[in-house]
Amino acid sequence: MTFLRLIKYDLQNGILKVWPRYLIAFALFFVACIPFYQSGLSHAEYESQAFVPFTLGDYFINILFGMDEYIFDGTNMFEFPVLWALVLLVLLYYTLNYPFRDMSSMGTHIMIASGSRKQWWLSKSIWLLLATSAYFLIGLIALTIWTVVTQGQISFSISSSIVKILDFNQELILDPPWSITSFLISSALIVAAIGMMQLLLSLLIGSVISFLATVATLFFSAYFTKGILIGNYAIAARSSAFLDGGMEPSCGITIALSIIVVTCVTGLIIINKKDILAGV
């Protein structure tokens, strides 16, 4: 089996044949718009203003808002950002489930047919990046449809009202307009990087423990505002796109690309030395 046929196999079995999963992703993004839209209506009524429909960018920021920096002082309760974590974890579960399922069924035969473990790993790495892109593309489609239905603007410009609706840090907020393109790119790459680390860990310690490690990474990223916890770069409430001194998207992009390259190379080394089929 040639390398291109191996990639085609992964795209067919890891994306096209599991299309119902992407319907779930579509529903997740779409349904998440409802409470945010209602919050906008309530805010406009409270301010005695006409409601201006949200933009496409507004809905993306709602999805990836996360939470403001958490500072423990004995009275401030930690409230985990459920929507942010759910959107990311659904994708990260999908990108772990397929390689594990493939190795448990046809993986042995495919690896033998390809004639190279390295090609198998490279194909899975490329598939993971494409699956991540497909997930966010489905999210983009869902949010675009909702924006059109609610007569919003199809742009990545951000409405000034979401600063209060989403409870951004008023002391650090920058003056509008805000540019979120680099933040969105950083977020997608950070999730892809976490997915690559998760895939590599699954070769070493198994899929269950590697997914738990991913959950822990997102939890601690929400709890601690530290650059070493890379999930911070996918939290809009902590991004320099909005806040003075926030997490720099350019730094997140650099870290994510570095992790993707390092994990890919490391996987190529490990896969030739480890009996990965014994661990599935």
Foldseek 3Di string as FASTA:
>chain_A
DELVVLLVVCCCQLDVVVPVLLVVLLCLLQVLVVVLQVLQVVVCVVVVHDRAQWELLASLLSQLQFDAADDDDPPDDDDGRVSNLVSLLSLLCSLLVVVVVCLVPVVVVSCVVNVHLLSNLVSSLVSLLVSLVVSVVSSSVSSVVNCVVRVHHHDSWGDPVVCVSVVADPVFWDDDGFDCPLLVVLLSLLSSLLSLQLNLVCLVPNNVVSSVVSVVLSRVVSNHVDVVSLNLSSHNSQEPSTGDVGDDSVVSNVVSVVSSVVSSVVSSVVSVVDPSSVRD
